[in-house]
N, C-alpha and C. Protein backbone atom coordinates (compact mmCIF):
# COMPACT_ATOMS: atom_id res chain seq x y z
N MET A 1 1.00 -1.27 0.13
CA MET A 1 0.01 -0.02 0.01
C MET A 1 0.91 1.34 0.09
N PRO A 2 0.74 2.21 -1.35
CA PRO A 2 1.70 3.36 -0.84
C PRO A 2 1.41 4.15 0.14
N SER A 3 2.43 5.04 0.67
CA SER A 3 2.38 5.85 1.61
C SER A 3 1.68 7.19 1.34
N ILE A 4 1.09 8.10 2.46
CA ILE A 4 0.22 9.09 1.70
C ILE A 4 1.51 10.08 2.60
N PRO A 5 1.77 11.05 1.48
CA PRO A 5 2.80 11.87 1.93
C PRO A 5 2.13 12.88 2.87
N SER A 6 3.00 13.14 3.85
CA SER A 6 2.75 14.17 4.81
C SER A 6 2.42 15.80 4.33
N LEU A 7 1.73 16.42 5.18
CA LEU A 7 1.39 17.70 4.63
C LEU A 7 2.68 18.47 4.43
N PHE A 8 3.76 18.33 4.87
CA PHE A 8 4.96 18.89 4.64
C PHE A 8 5.76 18.30 3.63
N GLY A 9 5.43 17.24 2.97
CA GLY A 9 6.07 16.47 1.75
C GLY A 9 7.46 15.87 2.20
N GLU A 10 7.45 15.41 3.53
CA GLU A 10 8.60 14.99 3.80
C GLU A 10 8.65 13.20 3.48
N ASP A 11 7.57 12.94 3.31
CA ASP A 11 7.68 11.17 3.32
C ASP A 11 7.80 10.79 1.80
N ASP A 12 7.52 11.47 0.81
CA ASP A 12 7.89 11.35 -0.62
C ASP A 12 9.28 11.77 -1.15
N ASP A 13 10.29 10.98 -1.22
CA ASP A 13 11.66 11.30 -1.40
C ASP A 13 11.61 11.66 -3.08
N SER A 14 10.54 11.22 -3.55
CA SER A 14 10.72 11.62 -5.17
C SER A 14 10.52 13.09 -5.17
N LEU A 15 10.18 13.58 -4.57
CA LEU A 15 9.87 15.20 -4.61
C LEU A 15 11.26 16.03 -4.40
N PHE A 16 12.33 15.12 -4.13
CA PHE A 16 13.46 15.88 -3.67
C PHE A 16 14.84 15.45 -4.75
N GLY A 17 15.83 16.41 -5.03
CA GLY A 17 16.71 15.81 -5.43
C GLY A 17 18.01 15.19 -4.66
N SER A 18 19.16 15.11 -4.95
CA SER A 18 20.13 14.35 -4.18
C SER A 18 21.08 15.23 -3.81
N TYR A 19 21.66 15.13 -2.46
CA TYR A 19 22.53 15.73 -1.77
C TYR A 19 23.91 15.86 -2.72
N ASP A 20 24.21 14.80 -3.28
CA ASP A 20 25.19 14.23 -4.31
C ASP A 20 25.38 14.70 -5.54
N GLU A 21 24.45 15.69 -6.22
CA GLU A 21 24.26 16.21 -7.36
C GLU A 21 23.95 17.53 -7.36
N PHE A 22 24.61 18.42 -8.19
CA PHE A 22 24.41 19.85 -8.48
C PHE A 22 23.48 19.84 -9.68
N ASP A 23 22.08 20.42 -9.37
CA ASP A 23 21.30 20.96 -10.56
C ASP A 23 21.01 22.27 -10.63
N PRO A 24 21.68 22.84 -11.47
CA PRO A 24 21.56 24.59 -11.76
C PRO A 24 20.03 24.81 -11.89
N ASP A 25 19.11 24.00 -12.36
CA ASP A 25 17.65 24.24 -12.55
C ASP A 25 16.94 24.29 -11.10
N HIS A 26 17.39 23.62 -10.27
CA HIS A 26 16.91 23.60 -8.79
C HIS A 26 17.38 24.43 -7.96
N ASN A 27 18.38 25.18 -8.24
CA ASN A 27 19.09 26.05 -7.07
C ASN A 27 18.93 27.43 -7.78
N PRO A 28 18.91 28.46 -6.75
CA PRO A 28 18.47 29.72 -7.08
C PRO A 28 19.84 30.23 -7.83
N MET A 29 19.34 31.20 -8.44
CA MET A 29 20.38 32.08 -9.29
C MET A 29 21.19 33.02 -8.26
N PRO A 30 22.40 33.09 -8.26
CA PRO A 30 23.29 33.94 -7.69
C PRO A 30 22.81 35.36 -7.93
N ASP A 31 22.57 35.99 -6.80
CA ASP A 31 22.32 37.70 -6.91
C ASP A 31 23.11 38.54 -6.25
N ARG A 32 22.70 39.70 -5.90
CA ARG A 32 23.76 40.74 -5.58
C ARG A 32 24.72 40.51 -4.70
N PHE A 33 24.54 39.60 -3.54
CA PHE A 33 25.37 39.40 -2.62
C PHE A 33 26.76 38.81 -3.06
N LEU A 34 26.42 37.80 -3.98
CA LEU A 34 27.52 36.94 -4.62
C LEU A 34 27.84 37.45 -5.99
N GLU A 35 27.64 38.59 -6.32
CA GLU A 35 28.12 39.06 -7.72
C GLU A 35 29.64 39.48 -7.41
N GLY A 36 30.37 39.15 -8.42
CA GLY A 36 31.95 39.63 -8.60
C GLY A 36 32.81 38.44 -7.74
N HIS A 37 32.12 37.53 -7.15
CA HIS A 37 32.69 36.50 -6.58
C HIS A 37 32.66 35.32 -7.00
N ASP A 38 33.52 34.24 -6.45
CA ASP A 38 33.86 33.16 -7.09
C ASP A 38 32.54 32.11 -6.55
N VAL A 39 31.57 31.85 -7.27
CA VAL A 39 30.43 31.33 -6.71
C VAL A 39 30.80 29.78 -7.09
N LEU A 40 29.90 29.01 -5.96
CA LEU A 40 30.36 27.55 -6.12
C LEU A 40 29.61 26.84 -6.93
N ALA A 41 29.78 25.86 -7.67
CA ALA A 41 28.96 25.16 -8.38
C ALA A 41 29.52 23.57 -8.52
N GLY A 42 28.56 22.84 -9.12
CA GLY A 42 29.34 21.34 -9.20
C GLY A 42 29.69 20.82 -7.95
N SER A 43 30.91 19.97 -7.85
CA SER A 43 31.20 19.43 -6.76
C SER A 43 31.47 20.28 -5.46
N ASP A 44 31.80 21.46 -5.90
CA ASP A 44 32.62 22.41 -4.76
C ASP A 44 31.21 22.74 -4.07
N HIS A 45 30.12 23.25 -4.80
CA HIS A 45 28.70 23.42 -4.05
C HIS A 45 28.06 22.18 -3.41
N VAL A 46 28.18 21.13 -4.11
CA VAL A 46 27.64 19.75 -3.45
C VAL A 46 28.50 19.46 -2.02
N ALA A 47 29.67 19.76 -2.08
CA ALA A 47 30.54 19.27 -0.89
C ALA A 47 30.32 20.35 0.26
N PHE A 48 30.10 21.44 -0.04
CA PHE A 48 29.60 22.61 0.95
C PHE A 48 28.31 22.39 1.68
N HIS A 49 27.62 22.09 0.48
CA HIS A 49 25.92 21.98 1.05
C HIS A 49 25.71 20.76 1.65
N ARG A 50 26.40 19.70 1.56
CA ARG A 50 26.40 18.71 2.33
C ARG A 50 26.87 18.78 3.83
N LEU A 51 27.92 19.43 3.95
CA LEU A 51 28.47 19.85 5.20
C LEU A 51 27.29 20.86 5.75
N THR A 52 26.61 21.70 5.13
CA THR A 52 25.83 22.51 5.79
C THR A 52 24.37 21.86 6.19
N ARG A 53 24.42 20.37 5.51
CA ARG A 53 22.99 19.91 6.21
C ARG A 53 23.51 19.29 7.39
N GLU A 54 24.57 18.65 7.56
CA GLU A 54 25.32 18.43 9.18
C GLU A 54 25.23 19.25 10.09
N LEU A 55 25.89 20.60 9.66
CA LEU A 55 25.77 21.49 10.61
C LEU A 55 24.44 22.26 11.18
N PHE A 56 23.49 22.16 10.11
CA PHE A 56 22.16 22.59 10.40
C PHE A 56 21.40 21.50 11.00
N GLU A 57 21.74 20.29 11.06
CA GLU A 57 21.03 19.23 11.77
C GLU A 57 21.62 19.30 13.20
N ASP A 58 22.92 19.70 13.39
CA ASP A 58 23.26 19.90 14.62
C ASP A 58 22.63 20.83 15.41
N ARG A 59 22.63 22.12 14.73
CA ARG A 59 22.16 23.25 15.25
C ARG A 59 20.25 23.46 15.00
N LYS A 60 19.80 22.54 14.57
CA LYS A 60 18.52 22.38 14.41
C LYS A 60 17.88 23.41 13.44
N VAL A 61 18.33 24.04 12.53
CA VAL A 61 18.21 25.00 11.43
C VAL A 61 17.07 24.25 10.44
N TYR A 62 15.89 24.72 10.97
CA TYR A 62 14.72 23.82 10.14
C TYR A 62 13.84 24.99 9.85
N ASP A 63 13.27 24.60 8.25
CA ASP A 63 12.16 25.41 7.82
C ASP A 63 11.12 24.69 8.66
N MET A 64 10.29 25.65 9.35
CA MET A 64 9.26 24.99 10.07
C MET A 64 7.97 24.86 9.26
N THR A 65 7.92 25.71 8.12
CA THR A 65 6.74 25.49 7.12
C THR A 65 6.77 24.10 6.77
N PHE A 66 7.84 23.62 6.41
CA PHE A 66 7.96 22.31 5.40
C PHE A 66 8.60 21.19 6.60
N ASN A 67 8.92 21.58 7.63
CA ASN A 67 9.19 20.50 8.57
C ASN A 67 10.47 19.93 8.45
N TYR A 68 11.53 20.25 7.81
CA TYR A 68 12.63 19.90 7.28
C TYR A 68 13.86 20.54 7.54
N ASN A 69 15.00 20.11 7.91
CA ASN A 69 16.54 20.64 7.50
C ASN A 69 16.52 21.41 6.38
N LEU A 70 16.86 23.03 6.80
CA LEU A 70 16.86 23.97 5.76
C LEU A 70 17.50 23.63 4.62
N ALA A 71 18.60 22.69 4.67
CA ALA A 71 19.55 22.50 3.35
C ALA A 71 18.67 21.83 2.58
N ARG A 72 17.60 21.05 3.00
CA ARG A 72 16.82 20.39 1.70
C ARG A 72 16.05 21.31 0.98
N LEU A 73 15.77 22.35 1.34
CA LEU A 73 15.09 23.46 0.40
C LEU A 73 15.70 23.32 -0.88
N ASN A 74 16.98 23.61 -0.99
CA ASN A 74 17.62 23.50 -2.49
C ASN A 74 17.26 22.17 -3.11
N LEU A 75 16.74 21.24 -2.54
CA LEU A 75 16.61 19.73 -3.35
C LEU A 75 15.05 19.55 -3.79
N ASP A 76 14.33 20.51 -3.04
CA ASP A 76 12.71 20.46 -3.12
C ASP A 76 12.25 20.92 -4.36
N THR A 77 11.76 20.03 -5.25
CA THR A 77 11.23 20.05 -6.78
C THR A 77 10.04 21.25 -6.82
N ARG A 78 9.51 21.15 -5.63
CA ARG A 78 8.15 21.95 -5.77
C ARG A 78 8.73 23.62 -5.27
N HIS A 79 9.70 23.76 -5.04
CA HIS A 79 10.39 25.12 -4.97
C HIS A 79 11.52 25.36 -5.56
N LYS A 80 11.61 25.52 -7.04
CA LYS A 80 12.91 25.59 -7.46
C LYS A 80 13.21 27.10 -7.20
N ASN A 81 14.45 27.22 -7.46
CA ASN A 81 15.14 28.81 -7.31
C ASN A 81 14.81 28.96 -5.77
N ALA A 82 14.94 28.16 -5.08
CA ALA A 82 14.60 28.42 -3.37
C ALA A 82 16.15 28.02 -2.70
N GLY A 83 16.50 28.58 -1.63
CA GLY A 83 17.50 28.05 -1.11
C GLY A 83 18.79 28.82 -0.81
N TYR A 84 19.89 28.11 -0.71
CA TYR A 84 21.10 28.59 -0.62
C TYR A 84 22.22 28.66 -1.77
N ARG A 85 22.84 29.71 -2.16
CA ARG A 85 23.99 29.56 -3.08
C ARG A 85 25.07 30.16 -2.19
N TYR A 86 26.38 29.73 -2.71
CA TYR A 86 27.71 30.15 -1.95
C TYR A 86 28.50 30.71 -2.94
N ALA A 87 29.31 31.59 -2.44
CA ALA A 87 30.64 32.02 -3.29
C ALA A 87 31.71 32.52 -2.24
N VAL A 88 33.07 32.22 -2.71
CA VAL A 88 34.24 32.51 -1.96
C VAL A 88 34.62 34.07 -2.29
N GLU A 89 34.50 34.77 -1.35
CA GLU A 89 34.74 36.02 -1.45
C GLU A 89 36.05 36.43 -2.02
N ARG A 90 35.97 37.40 -3.24
CA ARG A 90 37.46 37.70 -3.61
C ARG A 90 38.11 38.47 -2.65
N ASP A 91 39.36 38.80 -3.23
CA ASP A 91 40.13 39.80 -2.43
C ASP A 91 39.61 41.18 -2.39
N ASP A 92 39.69 41.96 -1.37
CA ASP A 92 39.23 43.56 -1.16
C ASP A 92 37.91 43.86 -1.93
N PRO A 93 36.90 43.32 -1.53
CA PRO A 93 35.61 43.72 -2.15
C PRO A 93 35.25 44.98 -1.24
N ASP A 94 34.52 45.89 -2.00
CA ASP A 94 34.18 47.21 -1.36
C ASP A 94 33.63 47.17 0.19
N ASP A 95 32.93 46.09 0.42
CA ASP A 95 32.36 45.79 1.68
C ASP A 95 32.86 44.91 2.53
N ALA A 96 34.12 44.58 2.17
CA ALA A 96 35.18 43.57 2.99
C ALA A 96 35.11 43.72 4.54
N VAL A 97 35.31 42.63 5.32
CA VAL A 97 35.34 42.51 6.43
C VAL A 97 36.79 43.30 7.10
N ASP A 98 36.68 44.41 7.73
CA ASP A 98 38.06 44.94 8.50
C ASP A 98 38.51 44.21 9.79
N ASP A 99 38.95 42.88 9.50
CA ASP A 99 39.60 42.27 10.81
C ASP A 99 40.61 41.43 9.97
N GLU A 100 41.78 41.77 10.47
CA GLU A 100 42.97 40.96 10.24
C GLU A 100 43.08 39.43 10.48
N ARG A 101 41.99 39.03 11.20
CA ARG A 101 41.92 37.63 11.53
C ARG A 101 41.24 36.83 10.47
N VAL A 102 40.51 37.60 9.67
CA VAL A 102 39.62 37.00 8.72
C VAL A 102 40.02 37.08 7.53
N ASP A 103 40.48 36.06 6.70
CA ASP A 103 41.33 36.01 5.38
C ASP A 103 40.36 35.09 4.33
N HIS A 104 40.00 34.08 4.70
CA HIS A 104 39.14 33.27 3.79
C HIS A 104 37.97 33.21 4.16
N VAL A 105 37.00 33.83 3.40
CA VAL A 105 35.65 34.20 3.79
C VAL A 105 34.62 33.46 2.51
N LEU A 106 33.66 32.83 3.01
CA LEU A 106 32.36 32.55 2.39
C LEU A 106 31.40 33.34 2.40
N ARG A 107 30.65 33.50 1.18
CA ARG A 107 29.36 34.35 1.14
C ARG A 107 28.22 33.35 0.81
N ALA A 108 27.10 33.48 1.87
CA ALA A 108 26.15 32.62 1.46
C ALA A 108 24.71 33.44 1.21
N GLU A 109 24.15 33.39 -0.01
CA GLU A 109 23.00 34.19 -0.12
C GLU A 109 21.56 33.08 -0.18
N PHE A 110 20.47 33.71 0.81
CA PHE A 110 19.43 32.84 1.12
C PHE A 110 18.39 33.44 0.25
N THR A 111 17.52 32.63 -0.65
CA THR A 111 16.59 32.97 -1.49
C THR A 111 15.40 32.19 -1.09
N PRO A 112 14.35 32.72 -0.49
CA PRO A 112 13.18 32.19 0.05
C PRO A 112 12.24 31.71 -0.96
N THR A 113 11.16 30.91 -0.42
CA THR A 113 10.21 30.67 -1.67
C THR A 113 9.30 31.79 -2.09
N THR A 114 8.99 32.77 -1.21
CA THR A 114 8.21 33.77 -1.50
C THR A 114 8.86 35.09 -1.29
N PRO A 115 8.40 35.94 -1.75
CA PRO A 115 9.03 37.47 -1.30
C PRO A 115 8.63 37.98 0.14
N PHE A 116 7.56 37.37 0.64
CA PHE A 116 7.12 37.78 2.06
C PHE A 116 7.37 36.46 3.09
N CYS A 117 8.14 35.69 2.71
CA CYS A 117 8.70 34.49 3.78
C CYS A 117 8.77 34.89 5.19
N PRO A 118 8.09 34.59 6.17
CA PRO A 118 8.09 35.54 7.43
C PRO A 118 9.12 34.62 8.21
N GLN A 119 9.83 33.73 7.66
CA GLN A 119 11.02 32.90 8.36
C GLN A 119 12.34 33.31 7.95
N THR A 120 12.75 34.19 7.06
CA THR A 120 13.68 34.63 6.41
C THR A 120 14.72 35.15 7.16
N HIS A 121 14.30 36.04 8.17
CA HIS A 121 14.85 36.36 9.14
C HIS A 121 15.63 35.64 10.10
N THR A 122 14.81 34.59 10.73
CA THR A 122 15.08 33.84 11.72
C THR A 122 16.13 32.55 11.15
N LEU A 123 15.77 32.34 9.87
CA LEU A 123 16.45 31.28 9.17
C LEU A 123 18.03 31.82 8.93
N THR A 124 18.08 32.87 8.30
CA THR A 124 19.53 33.38 8.08
C THR A 124 20.14 33.52 9.36
N ILE A 125 19.69 34.15 10.41
CA ILE A 125 20.46 34.12 11.58
C ILE A 125 20.60 32.72 12.04
N GLY A 126 19.89 31.89 11.84
CA GLY A 126 20.29 30.60 12.47
C GLY A 126 21.41 30.01 11.66
N SER A 127 21.41 30.19 10.15
CA SER A 127 22.39 29.84 9.29
C SER A 127 23.84 30.37 9.84
N PHE A 128 23.81 31.57 9.89
CA PHE A 128 24.78 32.23 10.35
C PHE A 128 25.62 31.49 11.69
N ARG A 129 24.70 31.35 12.75
CA ARG A 129 25.06 30.85 13.96
C ARG A 129 25.62 29.50 13.81
N ALA A 130 24.88 28.62 12.74
CA ALA A 130 25.29 27.23 12.73
C ALA A 130 26.62 27.18 11.80
N TRP A 131 26.82 28.03 11.01
CA TRP A 131 28.08 27.80 10.07
C TRP A 131 29.24 28.28 10.88
N ASN A 132 29.09 29.47 11.66
CA ASN A 132 30.33 30.25 12.32
C ASN A 132 30.23 29.80 13.82
N GLY A 133 29.47 29.22 14.48
CA GLY A 133 29.58 28.31 15.77
C GLY A 133 30.29 27.24 15.68
N LEU A 134 30.08 26.49 14.54
CA LEU A 134 30.85 25.30 14.20
C LEU A 134 32.00 25.43 13.14
N ALA A 135 32.57 26.54 13.40
CA ALA A 135 33.66 27.01 12.20
C ALA A 135 34.71 25.74 12.29
N ALA A 136 35.04 25.16 13.20
CA ALA A 136 36.12 24.18 13.41
C ALA A 136 35.89 22.97 12.33
N ARG A 137 34.49 22.84 11.75
CA ARG A 137 34.15 21.92 10.88
C ARG A 137 34.07 22.40 9.65
N GLN A 138 34.48 23.63 9.20
CA GLN A 138 34.56 23.99 7.87
C GLN A 138 35.71 25.05 7.76
N GLU A 139 35.93 25.17 6.40
CA GLU A 139 37.56 25.90 6.23
C GLU A 139 37.71 27.53 6.12
N TYR A 140 36.50 27.96 6.45
CA TYR A 140 36.52 29.27 6.48
C TYR A 140 36.54 30.41 7.69
N ASP A 141 37.25 31.08 7.52
CA ASP A 141 37.40 31.95 8.74
C ASP A 141 36.11 32.64 9.26
N LEU A 142 35.26 32.97 8.03
CA LEU A 142 33.97 33.61 8.19
C LEU A 142 33.04 33.26 7.42
N VAL A 143 31.98 33.15 7.70
CA VAL A 143 30.87 32.67 6.62
C VAL A 143 29.81 33.92 6.92
N ARG A 144 29.69 34.60 5.81
CA ARG A 144 28.62 35.81 5.55
C ARG A 144 27.37 35.52 5.10
N VAL A 145 26.17 35.86 5.58
CA VAL A 145 24.85 35.58 5.23
C VAL A 145 24.17 36.70 4.79
N ARG A 146 23.30 36.65 3.88
CA ARG A 146 22.44 37.82 3.24
C ARG A 146 21.23 37.06 2.63
N PRO A 147 19.93 37.69 2.71
CA PRO A 147 18.96 37.32 2.10
C PRO A 147 19.01 37.77 0.58
N ALA A 148 18.61 37.20 -0.27
CA ALA A 148 18.29 37.73 -1.79
C ALA A 148 17.47 38.88 -1.79
N PRO A 149 17.95 39.70 -2.63
CA PRO A 149 16.86 41.26 -2.86
C PRO A 149 15.58 41.15 -3.11
N MET A 150 15.07 39.63 -3.40
CA MET A 150 13.59 39.69 -3.67
C MET A 150 12.61 39.86 -2.37
N HIS A 151 13.14 39.48 -1.47
CA HIS A 151 12.60 39.36 -0.10
C HIS A 151 12.12 41.02 0.24
N HIS A 152 11.01 41.03 0.76
CA HIS A 152 10.53 42.41 0.78
C HIS A 152 11.35 43.17 2.08
N GLN A 153 12.05 42.53 2.94
CA GLN A 153 12.58 43.18 4.03
C GLN A 153 14.25 42.91 4.04
N SER A 154 14.57 42.43 2.73
CA SER A 154 15.99 42.02 2.46
C SER A 154 16.92 42.97 3.01
N GLU A 155 16.80 44.58 2.89
CA GLU A 155 17.54 45.44 3.29
C GLU A 155 17.73 45.52 4.86
N GLU A 156 16.47 45.49 5.60
CA GLU A 156 16.50 45.34 6.90
C GLU A 156 17.08 44.20 7.71
N ILE A 157 16.97 42.97 6.88
CA ILE A 157 17.72 41.81 7.44
C ILE A 157 18.88 41.74 7.28
N SER A 158 19.58 42.32 6.06
CA SER A 158 20.64 42.57 5.90
C SER A 158 21.84 43.37 6.78
N ASP A 159 21.02 44.32 7.25
CA ASP A 159 21.59 45.36 8.31
C ASP A 159 21.73 44.38 9.56
N GLN A 160 20.91 43.88 9.93
CA GLN A 160 20.97 42.75 11.01
C GLN A 160 21.92 42.12 11.02
N LEU A 161 22.11 41.27 9.81
CA LEU A 161 22.97 40.40 9.68
C LEU A 161 24.36 40.82 9.93
N ALA A 162 24.65 42.07 9.19
CA ALA A 162 26.15 42.87 9.14
C ALA A 162 26.29 43.04 10.82
N GLU A 163 25.42 43.74 11.44
CA GLU A 163 25.43 43.79 12.96
C GLU A 163 26.02 42.58 13.61
N LEU A 164 25.22 41.71 13.21
CA LEU A 164 25.78 40.19 14.04
C LEU A 164 27.26 39.94 13.47
N GLU A 165 27.65 40.10 12.38
CA GLU A 165 28.99 39.84 11.90
C GLU A 165 29.82 40.69 12.74
N ARG A 166 29.59 41.80 12.78
CA ARG A 166 30.49 42.85 13.67
C ARG A 166 30.52 42.33 15.20
N LYS A 167 29.46 41.97 15.65
CA LYS A 167 29.59 41.54 17.15
C LYS A 167 30.18 40.15 17.40
N TYR A 168 30.06 39.48 16.28
CA TYR A 168 30.57 38.03 16.63
C TYR A 168 32.09 38.13 16.50
N LEU A 169 32.64 39.10 15.53
CA LEU A 169 34.07 39.18 15.43
C LEU A 169 34.73 39.93 16.66
N GLU A 170 33.72 40.63 17.20
CA GLU A 170 34.29 41.62 18.40
C GLU A 170 34.35 40.58 19.63
N THR A 171 33.22 39.66 19.75
CA THR A 171 33.14 38.79 20.96
C THR A 171 33.47 37.31 20.67
N ASP A 172 33.53 36.93 19.41
CA ASP A 172 33.72 35.23 19.35
C ASP A 172 32.65 34.35 19.73
N ASP A 173 31.37 35.34 19.77
CA ASP A 173 30.00 34.60 20.45
C ASP A 173 29.26 34.77 19.08
N GLU A 174 28.81 33.78 18.43
CA GLU A 174 27.76 33.86 17.51
C GLU A 174 26.32 33.72 17.99
N THR A 175 26.18 33.75 19.25
CA THR A 175 24.86 33.79 19.63
C THR A 175 24.48 35.28 20.05
N VAL A 176 24.97 36.16 19.85
CA VAL A 176 24.86 37.71 20.22
C VAL A 176 23.69 38.09 19.42
N VAL A 177 22.68 38.77 19.95
CA VAL A 177 21.32 39.39 19.24
C VAL A 177 21.60 40.68 18.84
N PRO A 178 21.22 40.85 17.55
CA PRO A 178 21.23 42.27 17.06
C PRO A 178 20.36 43.02 17.67
N GLU A 179 20.69 44.25 17.57
CA GLU A 179 19.52 45.41 18.03
C GLU A 179 18.14 45.26 17.31
N ASP A 180 17.12 45.46 17.94
CA ASP A 180 15.59 45.34 17.36
C ASP A 180 15.45 44.16 16.38
N SER A 181 15.71 43.03 16.91
CA SER A 181 15.80 41.90 15.91
C SER A 181 14.34 41.31 16.01
N ASP A 182 13.55 41.74 16.98
CA ASP A 182 12.34 41.30 17.34
C ASP A 182 11.42 41.76 16.25
N ALA A 183 11.70 43.00 15.75
CA ALA A 183 10.77 44.01 14.76
C ALA A 183 11.12 43.69 13.42
N VAL A 184 12.44 43.12 13.11
CA VAL A 184 12.62 42.69 11.93
C VAL A 184 12.24 41.22 11.52
N GLY A 185 11.63 41.07 10.29
CA GLY A 185 11.29 39.67 9.96
C GLY A 185 9.69 39.36 10.64
N SER A 186 9.18 40.42 11.36
CA SER A 186 7.54 39.85 11.88
C SER A 186 6.82 40.60 10.89
N ASN A 187 5.62 39.97 10.77
CA ASN A 187 4.32 40.81 10.29
C ASN A 187 3.72 41.67 11.07
N PRO A 188 2.86 42.54 10.30
CA PRO A 188 1.98 43.72 11.16
C PRO A 188 1.41 42.87 12.46
N MET A 189 0.69 41.84 12.46
CA MET A 189 0.14 41.15 13.33
C MET A 189 1.12 40.75 14.40
N GLU A 190 2.19 40.34 14.05
CA GLU A 190 3.25 39.98 15.20
C GLU A 190 3.86 41.31 16.02
N ARG A 191 3.94 42.29 15.30
CA ARG A 191 4.42 43.69 15.75
C ARG A 191 3.43 44.02 16.69
N SER A 192 2.05 43.98 16.34
CA SER A 192 1.01 44.26 17.30
C SER A 192 1.10 43.69 18.43
N MET A 193 1.22 42.24 18.53
CA MET A 193 1.37 41.44 19.50
C MET A 193 2.38 41.85 20.46
N GLN A 194 3.89 42.26 19.84
CA GLN A 194 4.82 42.71 20.57
C GLN A 194 4.45 43.81 21.24
N SER A 195 3.80 44.76 20.80
CA SER A 195 3.53 46.05 21.46
C SER A 195 2.54 45.87 22.61
N GLU A 196 1.79 44.49 22.72
CA GLU A 196 1.02 44.43 23.88
C GLU A 196 1.58 43.86 24.83
N GLY A 197 3.12 43.28 24.79
CA GLY A 197 3.88 42.90 25.71
C GLY A 197 4.12 41.27 25.52
N PRO A 198 4.97 40.74 26.39
CA PRO A 198 5.19 39.53 26.03
C PRO A 198 4.24 38.54 26.53
N SER A 199 4.22 37.47 25.62
CA SER A 199 3.14 36.53 25.81
C SER A 199 3.94 35.39 26.59
N ARG A 200 3.09 34.46 26.89
CA ARG A 200 3.53 33.23 27.95
C ARG A 200 4.23 32.31 27.01
N GLY A 201 5.51 31.63 27.43
CA GLY A 201 6.16 30.71 26.59
C GLY A 201 7.51 31.44 26.45
N SER A 202 8.41 30.74 25.76
CA SER A 202 9.59 31.29 25.30
C SER A 202 9.73 31.31 23.93
N SER A 203 10.59 32.53 23.67
CA SER A 203 10.80 32.99 22.26
C SER A 203 12.10 32.66 21.90
N ASP A 204 12.67 31.81 22.49
CA ASP A 204 14.33 31.52 22.21
C ASP A 204 14.00 30.49 20.84
N ALA A 205 15.12 31.00 20.01
CA ALA A 205 15.23 30.08 18.98
C ALA A 205 16.28 29.07 19.24
N PRO A 206 16.15 27.75 18.62
CA PRO A 206 16.61 26.42 18.80
C PRO A 206 18.27 26.43 18.47
N PHE A 207 18.56 27.82 17.80
CA PHE A 207 20.27 27.68 17.57
C PHE A 207 20.79 28.94 17.90
């Protein structure tokens, strides 16, 4: 008897590509943050993305809409052109990190499934913390993260991630919280609820 796919599609593996293959038709096109840098493709992309799956599993960076490890979004055939693309940062870009300890940098650009994805803020911060908090397991001094410009809050989220980078380099603590992080990424209803005061329960992210 065939299995019935879950609401999140996790049960039907035929809907997903393989972590061992790079399919440019299922991966997002590199956008502004990766422009002018050495974009990973083929086996280079596959190797880093497989490592990403492991780090995201350890830090529980999950897309809560689809109920799976965020790295799997790149393989979801129902959401082509969504997920992460990566590029090795070239020497001396205009927005280079000014820190003598940082030499080998990877850029990661996240394209959500929709321009109004409410998880983009949380997922990009969680990704930053996973990659940099487990830095001993990857080869880069810093992994910088930004959302693709198609997201309606891309500039605000990018500002928060840039602040997180600075604080991380100052403190060596990837769990620092950017200022006003609760306001960015929330929708109008969530902002209204925040203005009424804290609700019961914890708002701590798992990463």
